[in-house]
PDB file of N, CA and C in Angstrom:
ATOM      1  N   MET A   1     -10.839  11.138  -5.547  1.00  0.00           N
ATOM      2  CA  MET A   1     -10.554  10.603  -6.867  1.00  0.00           C
ATOM      3  C   MET A   1      -9.181  11.072  -7.296  1.00  0.00           C
ATOM      4  N   THR A   2      -8.405  10.168  -7.864  1.00  0.00           N
ATOM      5  CA  THR A   2      -7.063  10.472  -8.302  1.00  0.00           C
ATOM      6  C   THR A   2      -7.068  11.064  -9.679  1.00  0.00           C
ATOM      7  N   ARG A   3      -6.347  12.156  -9.851  1.00  0.00           N
ATOM      8  CA  ARG A   3      -6.272  12.805 -11.135  1.00  0.00           C
ATOM      9  C   ARG A   3      -4.819  13.030 -11.522  1.00  0.00           C
ATOM     10  N   VAL A   4      -4.557  12.905 -12.801  1.00  0.00           N
ATOM     11  CA  VAL A   4      -3.236  13.192 -13.349  1.00  0.00           C
ATOM     12  C   VAL A   4      -3.403  13.976 -14.629  1.00  0.00           C
ATOM     13  N   GLU A   5      -2.670  15.046 -14.727  1.00  0.00           N
ATOM     14  CA  GLU A   5      -2.758  15.898 -15.885  1.00  0.00           C
ATOM     15  C   GLU A   5      -1.782  15.405 -16.962  1.00  0.00           C
ATOM     16  N   VAL A   6      -2.255  15.249 -18.185  1.00  0.00           N
ATOM     17  CA  VAL A   6      -1.395  14.842 -19.299  1.00  0.00           C
ATOM     18  C   VAL A   6      -0.760  16.071 -19.910  1.00  0.00           C
ATOM     19  N   LYS A   7       0.571  16.084 -19.848  1.00  0.00           N
ATOM     20  CA  LYS A   7       1.328  17.236 -20.351  1.00  0.00           C
ATOM     21  C   LYS A   7       2.016  16.857 -21.660  1.00  0.00           C
ATOM     22  N   ASN A   8       1.933  17.728 -22.636  1.00  0.00           N
ATOM     23  CA  ASN A   8       2.568  17.560 -23.928  1.00  0.00           C
ATOM     24  C   ASN A   8       2.219  16.252 -24.603  1.00  0.00           C
ATOM     25  N   GLY A   9       0.999  15.735 -24.349  1.00  0.00           N
ATOM     26  CA  GLY A   9       0.560  14.520 -24.998  1.00  0.00           C
ATOM     27  C   GLY A   9       1.292  13.262 -24.548  1.00  0.00           C
ATOM     28  N   ASN A  10       2.013  13.315 -23.425  1.00  0.00           N
ATOM     29  CA  ASN A  10       2.787  12.177 -22.950  1.00  0.00           C
ATOM     30  C   ASN A  10       1.907  11.279 -22.076  1.00  0.00           C
ATOM     31  N   VAL A  11       1.164  10.399 -22.714  1.00  0.00           N
ATOM     32  CA  VAL A  11       0.188   9.559 -22.030  1.00  0.00           C
ATOM     33  C   VAL A  11       0.867   8.495 -21.183  1.00  0.00           C
ATOM     34  N   GLU A  12       1.992   7.939 -21.666  1.00  0.00           N
ATOM     35  CA  GLU A  12       2.688   6.882 -20.962  1.00  0.00           C
ATOM     36  C   GLU A  12       3.170   7.403 -19.579  1.00  0.00           C
ATOM     37  N   TYR A  13       3.731   8.585 -19.586  1.00  0.00           N
ATOM     38  CA  TYR A  13       4.196   9.185 -18.336  1.00  0.00           C
ATOM     39  C   TYR A  13       3.052   9.454 -17.383  1.00  0.00           C
ATOM     40  N   ALA A  14       1.951   9.948 -17.943  1.00  0.00           N
ATOM     41  CA  ALA A  14       0.774  10.252 -17.129  1.00  0.00           C
ATOM     42  C   ALA A  14       0.217   8.937 -16.510  1.00  0.00           C
ATOM     43  N   LEU A  15       0.195   7.878 -17.292  1.00  0.00           N
ATOM     44  CA  LEU A  15      -0.283   6.589 -16.773  1.00  0.00           C
ATOM     45  C   LEU A  15       0.591   6.074 -15.670  1.00  0.00           C
ATOM     46  N   LYS A  16       1.891   6.244 -15.829  1.00  0.00           N
ATOM     47  CA  LYS A  16       2.852   5.820 -14.805  1.00  0.00           C
ATOM     48  C   LYS A  16       2.607   6.598 -13.525  1.00  0.00           C
ATOM     49  N   ARG A  17       2.422   7.891 -13.615  1.00  0.00           N
ATOM     50  CA  ARG A  17       2.173   8.717 -12.448  1.00  0.00           C
ATOM     51  C   ARG A  17       0.836   8.371 -11.789  1.00  0.00           C
ATOM     52  N   PHE A  18      -0.186   8.063 -12.638  1.00  0.00           N
ATOM     53  CA  PHE A  18      -1.489   7.663 -12.119  1.00  0.00           C
ATOM     54  C   PHE A  18      -1.399   6.402 -11.293  1.00  0.00           C
ATOM     55  N   LYS A  19      -0.672   5.402 -11.844  1.00  0.00           N
ATOM     56  CA  LYS A  19      -0.533   4.140 -11.136  1.00  0.00           C
ATOM     57  C   LYS A  19       0.206   4.332  -9.816  1.00  0.00           C
ATOM     58  N   LEU A  20       1.210   5.172  -9.816  1.00  0.00           N
ATOM     59  CA  LEU A  20       1.970   5.473  -8.610  1.00  0.00           C
ATOM     60  C   LEU A  20       1.100   6.131  -7.551  1.00  0.00           C
ATOM     61  N   LYS A  21       0.277   7.104  -7.983  1.00  0.00           N
ATOM     62  CA  LYS A  21      -0.643   7.801  -7.049  1.00  0.00           C
ATOM     63  C   LYS A  21      -1.667   6.845  -6.455  1.00  0.00           C
ATOM     64  N   VAL A  22      -2.203   5.964  -7.298  1.00  0.00           N
ATOM     65  CA  VAL A  22      -3.208   5.018  -6.840  1.00  0.00           C
ATOM     66  C   VAL A  22      -2.589   4.058  -5.818  1.00  0.00           C
ATOM     67  N   GLN A  23      -1.367   3.592  -6.130  1.00  0.00           N
ATOM     68  CA  GLN A  23      -0.696   2.676  -5.199  1.00  0.00           C
ATOM     69  C   GLN A  23      -0.402   3.360  -3.864  1.00  0.00           C
ATOM     70  N   ARG A  24       0.028   4.581  -3.892  1.00  0.00           N
ATOM     71  CA  ARG A  24       0.359   5.307  -2.663  1.00  0.00           C
ATOM     72  C   ARG A  24      -0.904   5.606  -1.845  1.00  0.00           C
ATOM     73  N   SER A  25      -2.051   5.705  -2.504  1.00  0.00           N
ATOM     74  CA  SER A  25      -3.286   6.009  -1.793  1.00  0.00           C
ATOM     75  C   SER A  25      -3.806   4.756  -1.063  1.00  0.00           C
ATOM     76  N   GLY A  26      -3.295   3.593  -1.408  1.00  0.00           N
ATOM     77  CA  GLY A  26      -3.678   2.368  -0.694  1.00  0.00           C
ATOM     78  C   GLY A  26      -4.864   1.638  -1.281  1.00  0.00           C
ATOM     79  N   VAL A  27      -5.304   1.995  -2.469  1.00  0.00           N
ATOM     80  CA  VAL A  27      -6.458   1.374  -3.058  1.00  0.00           C
ATOM     81  C   VAL A  27      -6.228  -0.119  -3.349  1.00  0.00           C
ATOM     82  N   PRO A  28      -5.121  -0.536  -3.942  1.00  0.00           N
ATOM     83  CA  PRO A  28      -4.936  -1.962  -4.220  1.00  0.00           C
ATOM     84  C   PRO A  28      -4.911  -2.803  -2.957  1.00  0.00           C
ATOM     85  N   SER A  29      -4.240  -2.340  -1.942  1.00  0.00           N
ATOM     86  CA  SER A  29      -4.198  -3.114  -0.697  1.00  0.00           C
ATOM     87  C   SER A  29      -5.572  -3.181  -0.020  1.00  0.00           C
ATOM     88  N   GLU A  30      -6.324  -2.098  -0.105  1.00  0.00           N
ATOM     89  CA  GLU A  30      -7.657  -2.090   0.444  1.00  0.00           C
ATOM     90  C   GLU A  30      -8.569  -3.056  -0.305  1.00  0.00           C
ATOM     91  N   MET A  31      -8.433  -3.111  -1.589  1.00  0.00           N
ATOM     92  CA  MET A  31      -9.251  -4.049  -2.418  1.00  0.00           C
ATOM     93  C   MET A  31      -8.885  -5.476  -2.055  1.00  0.00           C
ATOM     94  N   LYS A  32      -7.592  -5.733  -1.888  1.00  0.00           N
ATOM     95  CA  LYS A  32      -7.142  -7.085  -1.558  1.00  0.00           C
ATOM     96  C   LYS A  32      -7.690  -7.483  -0.180  1.00  0.00           C
ATOM     97  N   LYS A  33      -7.697  -6.525   0.736  1.00  0.00           N
ATOM     98  CA  LYS A  33      -8.180  -6.782   2.089  1.00  0.00           C
ATOM     99  C   LYS A  33      -9.673  -7.088   2.099  1.00  0.00           C
ATOM    100  N   ARG A  34     -10.444  -6.393   1.279  1.00  0.00           N
ATOM    101  CA  ARG A  34     -11.904  -6.534   1.275  1.00  0.00           C
ATOM    102  C   ARG A  34     -12.391  -7.619   0.318  1.00  0.00           C
ATOM    103  N   LYS A  35     -11.486  -8.269  -0.386  1.00  0.00           N
ATOM    104  CA  LYS A  35     -11.885  -9.248  -1.372  1.00  0.00           C
ATOM    105  C   LYS A  35     -12.657 -10.393  -0.753  1.00  0.00           C
ATOM    106  N   GLU A  36     -12.224 -10.855   0.395  1.00  0.00           N
ATOM    107  CA  GLU A  36     -12.906 -11.912   1.082  1.00  0.00           C
ATOM    108  C   GLU A  36     -12.915 -11.667   2.605  1.00  0.00           C
ATOM    109  N   TYR A  37     -13.845 -12.260   3.271  1.00  0.00           N
ATOM    110  CA  TYR A  37     -13.982 -12.098   4.731  1.00  0.00           C
ATOM    111  C   TYR A  37     -12.837 -12.810   5.439  1.00  0.00           C
ATOM    112  N   SER A  38     -12.293 -12.134   6.438  1.00  0.00           N
ATOM    113  CA  SER A  38     -11.255 -12.745   7.312  1.00  0.00           C
ATOM    114  C   SER A  38     -11.837 -12.803   8.729  1.00  0.00           C
ATOM    115  N   LYS A  39     -11.664 -13.949   9.348  1.00  0.00           N
ATOM    116  CA  LYS A  39     -12.189 -14.111  10.711  1.00  0.00           C
ATOM    117  C   LYS A  39     -11.386 -13.224  11.622  1.00  0.00           C
ATOM    118  N   PRO A  40     -12.024 -12.757  12.748  1.00  0.00           N
ATOM    119  CA  PRO A  40     -11.360 -11.828  13.659  1.00  0.00           C
ATOM    120  C   PRO A  40     -10.029 -12.373  14.205  1.00  0.00           C
ATOM    121  N   GLY A  41      -9.930 -13.669  14.455  1.00  0.00           N
ATOM    122  CA  GLY A  41      -8.665 -14.240  14.952  1.00  0.00           C
ATOM    123  C   GLY A  41      -7.567 -14.127  13.908  1.00  0.00           C
ATOM    124  N   VAL A  42      -7.914 -14.338  12.668  1.00  0.00           N
ATOM    125  CA  VAL A  42      -6.937 -14.228  11.580  1.00  0.00           C
ATOM    126  C   VAL A  42      -6.469 -12.791  11.456  1.00  0.00           C
ATOM    127  N   VAL A  43      -7.410 -11.840  11.568  1.00  0.00           N
ATOM    128  CA  VAL A  43      -7.051 -10.425  11.477  1.00  0.00           C
ATOM    129  C   VAL A  43      -6.077 -10.061  12.597  1.00  0.00           C
ATOM    130  N   ARG A  44      -6.358 -10.489  13.816  1.00  0.00           N
ATOM    131  CA  ARG A  44      -5.499 -10.206  14.959  1.00  0.00           C
ATOM    132  C   ARG A  44      -4.117 -10.813  14.761  1.00  0.00           C
ATOM    133  N   ARG A  45      -4.075 -12.037  14.273  1.00  0.00           N
ATOM    134  CA  ARG A  45      -2.797 -12.732  14.041  1.00  0.00           C
ATOM    135  C   ARG A  45      -1.975 -11.973  13.007  1.00  0.00           C
ATOM    136  N   GLU A  46      -2.617 -11.556  11.909  1.00  0.00           N
ATOM    137  CA  GLU A  46      -1.888 -10.826  10.873  1.00  0.00           C
ATOM    138  C   GLU A  46      -1.394  -9.465  11.395  1.00  0.00           C
ATOM    139  N   ALA A  47      -2.224  -8.831  12.217  1.00  0.00           N
ATOM    140  CA  ALA A  47      -1.806  -7.525  12.767  1.00  0.00           C
ATOM    141  C   ALA A  47      -0.611  -7.693  13.707  1.00  0.00           C
ATOM    142  N   LYS A  48      -0.631  -8.764  14.466  1.00  0.00           N
ATOM    143  CA  LYS A  48       0.498  -9.047  15.376  1.00  0.00           C
ATOM    144  C   LYS A  48       1.775  -9.331  14.593  1.00  0.00           C
ATOM    145  N   LYS A  49       1.665 -10.117  13.503  1.00  0.00           N
ATOM    146  CA  LYS A  49       2.824 -10.401  12.643  1.00  0.00           C
ATOM    147  C   LYS A  49       3.377  -9.083  12.056  1.00  0.00           C
ATOM    148  N   GLU A  50       2.480  -8.222  11.600  1.00  0.00           N
ATOM    149  CA  GLU A  50       2.872  -6.954  11.005  1.00  0.00           C
ATOM    150  C   GLU A  50       3.585  -6.070  12.030  1.00  0.00           C
ATOM    151  N   ALA A  51       3.056  -6.049  13.252  1.00  0.00           N
ATOM    152  CA  ALA A  51       3.671  -5.259  14.334  1.00  0.00           C
ATOM    153  C   ALA A  51       5.074  -5.747  14.644  1.00  0.00           C
ATOM    154  N   ILE A  52       5.266  -7.072  14.688  1.00  0.00           N
ATOM    155  CA  ILE A  52       6.578  -7.640  14.934  1.00  0.00           C
ATOM    156  C   ILE A  52       7.564  -7.297  13.822  1.00  0.00           C
ATOM    157  N   LYS A  53       7.074  -7.398  12.604  1.00  0.00           N
ATOM    158  CA  LYS A  53       7.891  -7.055  11.424  1.00  0.00           C
ATOM    159  C   LYS A  53       8.324  -5.585  11.446  1.00  0.00           C
ATOM    160  N   ASN A  54       7.374  -4.711  11.792  1.00  0.00           N
ATOM    161  CA  ASN A  54       7.687  -3.285  11.850  1.00  0.00           C
ATOM    162  C   ASN A  54       8.678  -2.976  12.990  1.00  0.00           C
ATOM    163  N   ALA A  55       8.508  -3.667  14.123  1.00  0.00           N
ATOM    164  CA  ALA A  55       9.418  -3.456  15.247  1.00  0.00           C
ATOM    165  C   ALA A  55      10.837  -3.888  14.888  1.00  0.00           C
ATOM    166  N   ARG A  56      10.971  -5.005  14.200  1.00  0.00           N
ATOM    167  CA  ARG A  56      12.279  -5.484  13.755  1.00  0.00           C
ATOM    168  C   ARG A  56      12.905  -4.474  12.773  1.00  0.00           C
ATOM    169  N   ARG A  57      12.096  -3.966  11.850  1.00  0.00           N
ATOM    170  CA  ARG A  57      12.599  -2.998  10.884  1.00  0.00           C
ATOM    171  C   ARG A  57      13.074  -1.732  11.597  1.00  0.00           C
ATOM    172  N   ASN A  58      12.287  -1.235  12.555  1.00  0.00           N
ATOM    173  CA  ASN A  58      12.683  -0.045  13.285  1.00  0.00           C
ATOM    174  C   ASN A  58      13.941  -0.268  14.099  1.00  0.00           C
ATOM    175  N   ASN A  59      14.066  -1.458  14.703  1.00  0.00           N
ATOM    176  CA  ASN A  59      15.281  -1.764  15.460  1.00  0.00           C
ATOM    177  C   ASN A  59      16.518  -1.755  14.561  1.00  0.00           C
ATOM    178  N   ARG A  60      16.386  -2.331  13.367  1.00  0.00           N
ATOM    179  CA  ARG A  60      17.494  -2.317  12.424  1.00  0.00           C
ATOM    180  C   ARG A  60      17.881  -0.927  12.021  1.00  0.00           C
ATOM    181  N   LYS A  61      16.898  -0.074  11.782  1.00  0.00           N
ATOM    182  CA  LYS A  61      17.178   1.318  11.360  1.00  0.00           C
ATOM    183  C   LYS A  61      17.869   2.077  12.474  1.00  0.00           C
ATOM    184  N   HIS A  62      17.435   1.898  13.709  1.00  0.00           N
ATOM    185  CA  HIS A  62      17.983   2.707  14.816  1.00  0.00           C
ATOM    186  C   HIS A  62      19.284   2.143  15.351  1.00  0.00           C
ATOM    187  N   ASN A  63      19.565   0.881  15.147  1.00  0.00           N
ATOM    188  CA  ASN A  63      20.801   0.304  15.689  1.00  0.00           C
ATOM    189  C   ASN A  63      21.984   0.488  14.751  1.00  0.00           C
ATOM    190  N   ASN A  64      21.728   0.807  13.481  1.00  0.00           N
ATOM    191  CA  ASN A  64      22.859   0.977  12.537  1.00  0.00           C
ATOM    192  C   ASN A  64      23.328   2.352  12.481  1.00  0.00           C
TER     193      ASN A  64
END
């Protein structure tokens, strides 16, 4: 469970930190993924696309 301490009554800042922590923990993407069933072929296709995208990104980082 994600917790954020409110310091000096600054609720806006605490809310901002909470949203950031939740996003970094992967909860929104996990919810999006589980929202509906994806067929195994679609899951493989998306994973392959993601792997290609990551490989391109890594190549750009290492070649510059």
